[in-house]
Every structure is written in C-alpha cells, then in structure tokens.
C-alpha atoms as a PDB file:
ATOM      1  CA  MET A   1      11.947 -21.049   1.760  1.00  0.00           C
ATOM      2  CA  ARG A   2       8.391 -19.703   1.919  1.00  0.00           C
ATOM      3  CA  ALA A   3       6.052 -20.556  -0.939  1.00  0.00           C
ATOM      4  CA  LEU A   4       4.927 -17.639  -3.079  1.00  0.00           C
ATOM      5  CA  LEU A   5       1.225 -16.879  -3.289  1.00  0.00           C
ATOM      6  CA  SER A   6      -0.084 -17.983  -6.630  1.00  0.00           C
ATOM      7  CA  SER A   7      -2.985 -16.753  -8.680  1.00  0.00           C
ATOM      8  CA  GLN A   8      -4.684 -20.074  -7.750  1.00  0.00           C
ATOM      9  CA  ASP A   9      -4.634 -19.138  -4.044  1.00  0.00           C
ATOM     10  CA  PRO A  10      -8.059 -18.162  -2.582  1.00  0.00           C
ATOM     11  CA  ALA A  11      -6.486 -15.016  -1.092  1.00  0.00           C
ATOM     12  CA  TRP A  12      -5.374 -13.909  -4.549  1.00  0.00           C
ATOM     13  CA  PRO A  13      -4.773 -11.119  -5.204  1.00  0.00           C
ATOM     14  CA  PRO A  14      -3.483 -10.350  -1.735  1.00  0.00           C
ATOM     15  CA  PRO A  15      -4.534  -7.256   0.213  1.00  0.00           C
ATOM     16  CA  ILE A  16      -2.233  -4.289  -0.395  1.00  0.00           C
ATOM     17  CA  LEU A  17      -1.657  -1.330   1.952  1.00  0.00           C
ATOM     18  CA  ASP A  18      -0.047   2.013   1.211  1.00  0.00           C
ATOM     19  CA  ILE A  19       0.818   4.929   3.462  1.00  0.00           C
ATOM     20  CA  GLU A  20       1.467   8.538   2.502  1.00  0.00           C
ATOM     21  CA  ALA A  21       3.700  10.485   4.861  1.00  0.00           C
ATOM     22  CA  SER A  22       4.641  14.026   5.799  1.00  0.00           C
ATOM     23  CA  GLY A  23       8.147  13.338   4.503  1.00  0.00           C
ATOM     24  CA  PHE A  24      10.916  10.781   4.499  1.00  0.00           C
ATOM     25  CA  GLY A  25      13.409  10.388   7.283  1.00  0.00           C
ATOM     26  CA  ARG A  26      12.961   9.750  10.959  1.00  0.00           C
ATOM     27  CA  ASP A  27      10.808  12.848  11.535  1.00  0.00           C
ATOM     28  CA  GLY A  28       8.204  11.865   8.935  1.00  0.00           C
ATOM     29  CA  TYR A  29       4.845  10.540  10.108  1.00  0.00           C
ATOM     30  CA  PRO A  30       1.812   8.927   8.468  1.00  0.00           C
ATOM     31  CA  ILE A  31      -0.763  11.296   7.012  1.00  0.00           C
ATOM     32  CA  GLU A  32      -2.928   8.897   5.014  1.00  0.00           C
ATOM     33  CA  VAL A  33      -3.395   5.143   4.920  1.00  0.00           C
ATOM     34  CA  GLY A  34      -5.296   3.102   2.392  1.00  0.00           C
ATOM     35  CA  PHE A  35      -5.723  -0.477   1.345  1.00  0.00           C
ATOM     36  CA  VAL A  36      -7.388  -2.639  -1.244  1.00  0.00           C
ATOM     37  CA  LEU A  37      -8.656  -6.097  -0.296  1.00  0.00           C
ATOM     38  CA  SER A  38      -8.517  -9.316  -2.310  1.00  0.00           C
ATOM     39  CA  ASN A  39     -12.099  -8.689  -3.460  1.00  0.00           C
ATOM     40  CA  GLY A  40     -11.181  -5.202  -4.743  1.00  0.00           C
ATOM     41  CA  GLN A  41     -12.895  -3.275  -1.952  1.00  0.00           C
ATOM     42  CA  ALA A  42     -10.816  -0.258  -0.927  1.00  0.00           C
ATOM     43  CA  TRP A  43     -10.659   2.105   2.024  1.00  0.00           C
ATOM     44  CA  CYS A  44      -8.646   5.241   2.699  1.00  0.00           C
ATOM     45  CA  SER A  45      -8.378   7.825   5.463  1.00  0.00           C
ATOM     46  CA  LEU A  46      -6.472  10.973   6.210  1.00  0.00           C
ATOM     47  CA  ILE A  47      -4.766  10.930   9.605  1.00  0.00           C
ATOM     48  CA  LYS A  48      -4.942  13.892  11.960  1.00  0.00           C
ATOM     49  CA  PRO A  49      -1.382  14.561  13.174  1.00  0.00           C
ATOM     50  CA  GLU A  50      -0.526  14.090  16.820  1.00  0.00           C
ATOM     51  CA  PRO A  51       0.692  17.325  18.509  1.00  0.00           C
ATOM     52  CA  GLU A  52       4.324  16.134  18.412  1.00  0.00           C
ATOM     53  CA  TRP A  53       4.129  15.267  14.705  1.00  0.00           C
ATOM     54  CA  THR A  54       5.386  18.560  13.299  1.00  0.00           C
ATOM     55  CA  HIS A  55       7.764  17.718  10.418  1.00  0.00           C
ATOM     56  CA  TRP A  56       6.454  18.776   7.012  1.00  0.00           C
ATOM     57  CA  ASP A  57       8.242  18.265   3.691  1.00  0.00           C
ATOM     58  CA  GLU A  58       7.035  20.446   0.822  1.00  0.00           C
ATOM     59  CA  ALA A  59       8.448  17.950  -1.730  1.00  0.00           C
ATOM     60  CA  ALA A  60       6.302  15.172  -0.240  1.00  0.00           C
ATOM     61  CA  GLN A  61       3.272  17.480  -0.328  1.00  0.00           C
ATOM     62  CA  ALA A  62       3.935  18.164  -4.011  1.00  0.00           C
ATOM     63  CA  MET A  63       3.641  14.411  -4.653  1.00  0.00           C
ATOM     64  CA  HIS A  64       0.580  13.517  -2.592  1.00  0.00           C
ATOM     65  CA  ARG A  65      -1.049  16.983  -2.694  1.00  0.00           C
ATOM     66  CA  ILE A  66      -2.297  16.693   0.869  1.00  0.00           C
ATOM     67  CA  THR A  67      -1.920  19.836   2.952  1.00  0.00           C
ATOM     68  CA  ARG A  68      -1.391  19.941   6.684  1.00  0.00           C
ATOM     69  CA  GLU A  69      -4.541  22.083   6.925  1.00  0.00           C
ATOM     70  CA  SER A  70      -6.519  19.361   5.154  1.00  0.00           C
ATOM     71  CA  LEU A  71      -5.267  16.828   7.719  1.00  0.00           C
ATOM     72  CA  GLN A  72      -6.380  19.074  10.573  1.00  0.00           C
ATOM     73  CA  GLN A  73      -9.829  19.578   9.036  1.00  0.00           C
ATOM     74  CA  HIS A  74     -10.554  16.132   7.590  1.00  0.00           C
ATOM     75  CA  GLY A  75      -8.131  13.725   9.259  1.00  0.00           C
ATOM     76  CA  ARG A  76      -9.263  11.064  11.710  1.00  0.00           C
ATOM     77  CA  ALA A  77      -7.560  10.496  15.042  1.00  0.00           C
ATOM     78  CA  PRO A  78      -5.007   7.652  15.019  1.00  0.00           C
ATOM     79  CA  ALA A  79      -7.251   5.568  17.332  1.00  0.00           C
ATOM     80  CA  GLN A  80     -10.132   5.775  14.834  1.00  0.00           C
ATOM     81  CA  VAL A  81      -7.871   4.865  11.919  1.00  0.00           C
ATOM     82  CA  VAL A  82      -6.319   1.822  13.614  1.00  0.00           C
ATOM     83  CA  GLU A  83      -9.755   0.635  14.752  1.00  0.00           C
ATOM     84  CA  THR A  84     -10.881   0.589  11.124  1.00  0.00           C
ATOM     85  CA  LEU A  85      -7.654  -1.059   9.930  1.00  0.00           C
ATOM     86  CA  ASP A  86      -7.993  -3.794  12.546  1.00  0.00           C
ATOM     87  CA  ASN A  87     -11.663  -4.376  11.740  1.00  0.00           C
ATOM     88  CA  TRP A  88     -10.909  -4.885   8.037  1.00  0.00           C
ATOM     89  CA  LEU A  89      -7.475  -6.530   8.123  1.00  0.00           C
ATOM     90  CA  ARG A  90      -7.462  -8.622  11.328  1.00  0.00           C
ATOM     91  CA  GLY A  91      -5.533 -11.874  10.926  1.00  0.00           C
ATOM     92  CA  GLN A  92      -4.483 -11.208   7.344  1.00  0.00           C
ATOM     93  CA  VAL A  93      -1.088 -10.845   5.730  1.00  0.00           C
ATOM     94  CA  VAL A  94      -1.104  -7.476   3.959  1.00  0.00           C
ATOM     95  CA  TYR A  95       1.580  -6.382   1.497  1.00  0.00           C
ATOM     96  CA  SER A  96       3.355  -3.075   0.868  1.00  0.00           C
ATOM     97  CA  ASP A  97       5.823  -2.087  -1.845  1.00  0.00           C
ATOM     98  CA  ALA A  98       7.661   0.378   0.425  1.00  0.00           C
ATOM     99  CA  TRP A  99       7.773  -1.986   3.364  1.00  0.00           C
ATOM    100  CA  ALA A 100      10.632  -0.344   5.291  1.00  0.00           C
ATOM    101  CA  HIS A 101       8.871   3.034   5.273  1.00  0.00           C
ATOM    102  CA  ASP A 102       5.302   1.766   5.615  1.00  0.00           C
ATOM    103  CA  TYR A 103       6.211  -0.605   8.458  1.00  0.00           C
ATOM    104  CA  SER A 104       7.755   2.267  10.405  1.00  0.00           C
ATOM    105  CA  TRP A 105       4.835   4.627   9.738  1.00  0.00           C
ATOM    106  CA  LEU A 106       2.284   1.933  10.559  1.00  0.00           C
ATOM    107  CA  ASN A 107       4.000   1.303  13.896  1.00  0.00           C
ATOM    108  CA  GLN A 108       4.060   5.045  14.583  1.00  0.00           C
ATOM    109  CA  LEU A 109       0.316   5.197  13.908  1.00  0.00           C
ATOM    110  CA  TYR A 110      -0.401   2.254  16.208  1.00  0.00           C
ATOM    111  CA  GLU A 111       1.866   3.611  18.948  1.00  0.00           C
ATOM    112  CA  ALA A 112      -0.095   6.876  18.868  1.00  0.00           C
ATOM    113  CA  ALA A 113      -3.271   4.833  19.390  1.00  0.00           C
ATOM    114  CA  GLY A 114      -1.686   2.700  22.126  1.00  0.00           C
ATOM    115  CA  ARG A 115      -2.277  -0.519  20.191  1.00  0.00           C
ATOM    116  CA  ALA A 116      -0.533  -3.167  18.109  1.00  0.00           C
ATOM    117  CA  PRO A 117      -1.664  -4.171  14.605  1.00  0.00           C
ATOM    118  CA  SER A 118      -3.937  -7.206  14.377  1.00  0.00           C
ATOM    119  CA  PHE A 119      -2.519  -8.052  10.948  1.00  0.00           C
ATOM    120  CA  LYS A 120       0.936  -8.669   9.529  1.00  0.00           C
ATOM    121  CA  LEU A 121       2.566  -6.276   7.060  1.00  0.00           C
ATOM    122  CA  GLU A 122       4.932  -7.960   4.591  1.00  0.00           C
ATOM    123  CA  ASN A 123       7.130  -6.745   1.772  1.00  0.00           C
ATOM    124  CA  LEU A 124       5.437  -7.116  -1.602  1.00  0.00           C
ATOM    125  CA  ARG A 125       8.842  -8.163  -2.994  1.00  0.00           C
ATOM    126  CA  ALA A 126       8.369 -11.487  -1.173  1.00  0.00           C
ATOM    127  CA  LEU A 127       5.629 -12.314  -3.705  1.00  0.00           C
ATOM    128  CA  LEU A 128       7.884 -11.781  -6.721  1.00  0.00           C
ATOM    129  CA  ASN A 129      10.449 -14.059  -8.280  1.00  0.00           C
ATOM    130  CA  ASP A 130      13.642 -12.466  -9.615  1.00  0.00           C
ATOM    131  CA  ASP A 131      12.267 -12.058 -13.146  1.00  0.00           C
ATOM    132  CA  GLU A 132       9.101 -10.394 -11.855  1.00  0.00           C
ATOM    133  CA  ALA A 133      11.087  -8.102  -9.567  1.00  0.00           C
ATOM    134  CA  GLY A 134      13.229  -7.052 -12.521  1.00  0.00           C
ATOM    135  CA  ARG A 135      10.157  -6.147 -14.581  1.00  0.00           C
ATOM    136  CA  TRP A 136       8.080  -4.674 -11.735  1.00  0.00           C
ATOM    137  CA  HIS A 137       8.561  -0.961 -12.471  1.00  0.00           C
ATOM    138  CA  GLU A 138       8.045  -1.406 -16.211  1.00  0.00           C
ATOM    139  CA  VAL A 139       4.803  -3.344 -15.730  1.00  0.00           C
ATOM    140  CA  LYS A 140       3.628  -0.865 -13.078  1.00  0.00           C
ATOM    141  CA  GLN A 141       4.146   2.007 -15.557  1.00  0.00           C
ATOM    142  CA  GLN A 142       2.198   0.085 -18.215  1.00  0.00           C
ATOM    143  CA  VAL A 143      -0.692  -0.477 -15.808  1.00  0.00           C
ATOM    144  CA  ALA A 144      -0.633   3.152 -14.654  1.00  0.00           C
ATOM    145  CA  SER A 145      -0.832   4.347 -18.263  1.00  0.00           C
ATOM    146  CA  THR A 146      -3.880   2.195 -19.027  1.00  0.00           C
ATOM    147  CA  VAL A 147      -6.023   2.924 -15.976  1.00  0.00           C
ATOM    148  CA  GLU A 148      -7.348   6.184 -14.685  1.00  0.00           C
ATOM    149  CA  LEU A 149      -6.723   6.401 -10.973  1.00  0.00           C
ATOM    150  CA  ALA A 150      -8.008   9.727  -9.754  1.00  0.00           C
ATOM    151  CA  ARG A 151      -5.056  10.766  -7.622  1.00  0.00           C
ATOM    152  CA  HIS A 152      -1.732   9.868  -6.063  1.00  0.00           C
ATOM    153  CA  ARG A 153      -3.230   8.772  -2.779  1.00  0.00           C
ATOM    154  CA  ALA A 154      -2.901   5.750  -0.526  1.00  0.00           C
ATOM    155  CA  SER A 155      -5.865   3.649  -1.714  1.00  0.00           C
ATOM    156  CA  SER A 156      -5.231   4.509  -5.375  1.00  0.00           C
ATOM    157  CA  ASP A 157      -1.584   3.549  -4.993  1.00  0.00           C
ATOM    158  CA  ALA A 158      -2.578   0.284  -3.282  1.00  0.00           C
ATOM    159  CA  ARG A 159      -4.973  -0.480  -6.148  1.00  0.00           C
ATOM    160  CA  LEU A 160      -2.246   0.234  -8.719  1.00  0.00           C
ATOM    161  CA  LEU A 161       0.120  -2.147  -6.911  1.00  0.00           C
ATOM    162  CA  GLN A 162      -2.515  -4.880  -6.780  1.00  0.00           C
ATOM    163  CA  MET A 163      -3.366  -4.402 -10.466  1.00  0.00           C
ATOM    164  CA  THR A 164       0.331  -4.583 -11.343  1.00  0.00           C
ATOM    165  CA  LEU A 165       0.706  -7.831  -9.441  1.00  0.00           C
ATOM    166  CA  LYS A 166      -2.352  -9.264 -11.200  1.00  0.00           C
ATOM    167  CA  ARG A 167      -1.065  -8.204 -14.628  1.00  0.00           C
ATOM    168  CA  MET A 168       2.349  -9.671 -13.926  1.00  0.00           C
ATOM    169  CA  ARG A 169       0.868 -13.008 -12.871  1.00  0.00           C
ATOM    170  CA  ALA A 170      -1.534 -13.047 -15.837  1.00  0.00           C
ATOM    171  CA  ARG A 171       1.449 -12.628 -18.164  1.00  0.00           C
ATOM    172  CA  ASN A 172       3.320 -15.498 -16.485  1.00  0.00           C
ATOM    173  CA  ARG A 173       0.552 -18.110 -16.251  1.00  0.00           C
ATOM    174  CA  PRO A 174       0.257 -20.854 -18.886  1.00  0.00           C
ATOM    175  CA  GLY A 175      -1.332 -19.336 -21.965  1.00  0.00           C
ATOM    176  CA  GLY A 176      -0.515 -15.787 -20.776  1.00  0.00           C
ATOM    177  CA  ALA A 177       1.443 -13.230 -22.795  1.00  0.00           C
ATOM    178  CA  ILE A 178       4.879 -14.514 -21.727  1.00  0.00           C
ATOM    179  CA  GLU A 179       3.957 -18.122 -22.553  1.00  0.00           C
ATOM    180  CA  ARG A 180       2.592 -17.077 -25.972  1.00  0.00           C
ATOM    181  CA  MET A 181       5.826 -15.173 -26.704  1.00  0.00           C
ATOM    182  CA  ARG A 182       7.910 -18.272 -25.885  1.00  0.00           C
ATOM    183  CA  ALA A 183       5.864 -20.540 -28.168  1.00  0.00           C
END
C-alpha cells in the first residue's frame, strides 16, 4: 500500500491539474488546461482545436463558458501547451479529481503534439482516506462558498481542489477542527 502524502511532506500541497473539455464521451477533446503548483503559482491556457477535433457540447459550454470561437482566436497549439506543461511539471506527480477524463484528454493533447508527458498524472482520490473521501464534496462546497474564484476554468478549479485538500488536512491534523470536536 502506498503512503499518503501528508501535510508534513515538502511537496505539500501537491500540484493539481484540471482540464476543461468540449464535452464528455469519446468525441470530447481538451479545450483548456490549468494547474496550481505546491507553492500556489498557477498557469492556464486555452487550447486551439486540431482540425479533426470537431465535437462541441453546448451543455459543457454552458458550464465553462468557453466558446469554440474563443479557442480559435486565443487558443495555443497543442505543441505550445505541452511544452509549457513539461517545463513546469517535469518529473512531478500531479493530481486530478476527474482522473479518468483528464488522463484521456491529457493523452489526446500530447498525441496531437507528438509527445509523451514528462510528469505523472494521478487520481486525487489516492490522497484521501475513506473518511476524507466521504466528506470531499461537502468540504469543497464550503471552500467554494468562502473564496472568490473568478470563473469556472481550469486553473481556478485546480486551485479550488488544492484549497479543499488543504482545508481537509488542516481539519484532521492534531489540534485541527476535527481534533477539537473530539476532545
């Protein structure tokens, strides 16, 4: 069994990555990727669709509010995006809360650039014990209601996930809110 990262670990909090997509399902493709590092530094980029990436889901657009026209005008080519990802994330383990989707979209992005990621993407769930996993959505909602993140976008979502993880661990550490409630 793999040891969980703890808040005492020098890589704490871990880097978090999020990807927005044109829609769910096998025809969806990445349209924006963002991350937040352990030190809080964040980066985000729109992705210019490849010619064969044509699927567009209006329901997904309603959530992320990114238009296909905006991607064409402001998106970066997949090769540029993966170059930046590799420069920032090389050799690290990076976490995602929607690992099955994000892993697939990340691979699609790298395939378009003719490269392989220089970092490892892991499921954020691997960092949580069963109690934390059971409270994850509740704590995430609490964090979301107390911070003002400008938009539902990849780097903002990654920051929210990292903040949720930090809050959860702060509540569980000796002297934290959970410990005080038990006393």
